């Protein structure tokens, strides 16, 4: 080897986990420093990597650092020392590309304590064979890993990194299995179910909900980005399903517990396809819960903000439609929200009406439970029908010579398999012990009995949920007469329909004093 001025040590392990859990880079550096001492050259710099770069050395920060160091010190002649040829590069093409670049661009040579370099045709041939052997080993290991992971996914096991809300735990004779991780799992479940049922109208509202929960993981800047929300909504793993389309493994039931049902997951996908995502408002402010829900008489949604007075700021709602006669005229927040509170209280059904409605709902619930056996038979028939269709389509895929037709059949098969998973999940619910009426609908009944409780919450998400559950569409506000006729949601419409004949019959049958004898004044 020609005389050199200094040495650069390069060390690499294949993953961050190897760097944290072991001492691979430290051992490599020790061996390389000892080799530099034998050569009689000082070590000027040490660069390390904890990733493979998939063969491309420019994807490795440590190797990029080596090249920058050489470029910044072109007048010096360096020897680049590495532990093994596999650490330098494991693909023949990239290996020789890097070797030639070091020699031609920077006049640097390479050396290793575990390989003897010879500047001869035979030496380069031996070097090429050694690198090619490392490349072959790498490809074989990669193939084995893919085969094992493919087989594991086919058996229903997740093999990718644990998503938010899950963690891997080792189970005897089963390996690593996903388990819900609290409190993230409950937050993710609430977000997904909220989007599916319409509690969150857009992905932007899901994003705001996640940002309002301090336990939910964030990026380095403390934010939850929209792409992350979209990814969460599209991942079947949250429904207890697994797939690996890149390995030709179709969607199937996983061994891990789902945070949501398959039915809920399908509802989310339908919403994603059928509804465009609403952008997040930059001026979203929990100080004005009625903004975006109450309209002026001109039809324009009221906006809101704080105006500066002599001593302090004051909250107002405004109409900013220039064509409106009320353009620029403010409405005090307390006045508007006070009238809205009166409207919410008027929606609350009378106690007697609610009790009667509750009995009606309970009767309907019990009738539905009694009909569950019939539903189970119908679902079994649907499962058998889906199996027959899948078998017919598989036969057609084998017979067809058109790639386009075969692809269409395969897509239909995937759709039928997804339907089977949803039906099988419903069957499991039918076979489980039936919930009684009280346990199943307690929360919904409490809201219908007194919607003002939800509106009085300190959380803006609860207030907006109360708006969507109570009213079927936006409200209009007249500055002279107050809120115009409100269009109630279906449950409150039903209660109102019950109220009129119920109250009328009471007024016709019972006097003002009631049935019981009047209680004398005390």
Foldseek 3Di string as FASTA:
>chain_A
DDDFAAEEEEEEAAAPCCVVVHCRRVVFVVQQCVVCVVVVHYHDYYFYFYHQLQQALVSTPRSVVVVVVLVVCLVGEYEYETADLVRQGLDLVNSVVVQCCCCPVRNYHYDHPVDDADPDPVRVVVVSVVSPVSNVVVVVVVVVVVVVQVVLVLVFADDDADDFQWDWDQDPPNGTHIAGDPPRLVLLLCLLLCCLVCLPVALLSSQVSLLVDPVGDDPPVSGDDSVNSVVSLQDCVLQQWGADVVSPGAIDHHPYHHSDHLVSSVSSVCCPVPDDGDDHDPPDDLVQLCFPFEAEPVRHTWDKDWDQDPPGIFIWIADCDPVDPRHPPTDGRCVQVVLVLVVLQVLAFDPVLLVVVLVVVQVVVVVVLVCLVVVLVVLVVLLVVLVVLLVVLVVVLVVDPDPVSNVVSVVVNSVSNSVNSNSVRVNVVSPDDDDHPCVPCVVVSVCNNRVSVQCPDPDSSSNSSSVVQFAVGGWYAYPVPGTDDTHTDPVSVVSVVSRVVVVVVCPVPAPPCGDDDHDDDD
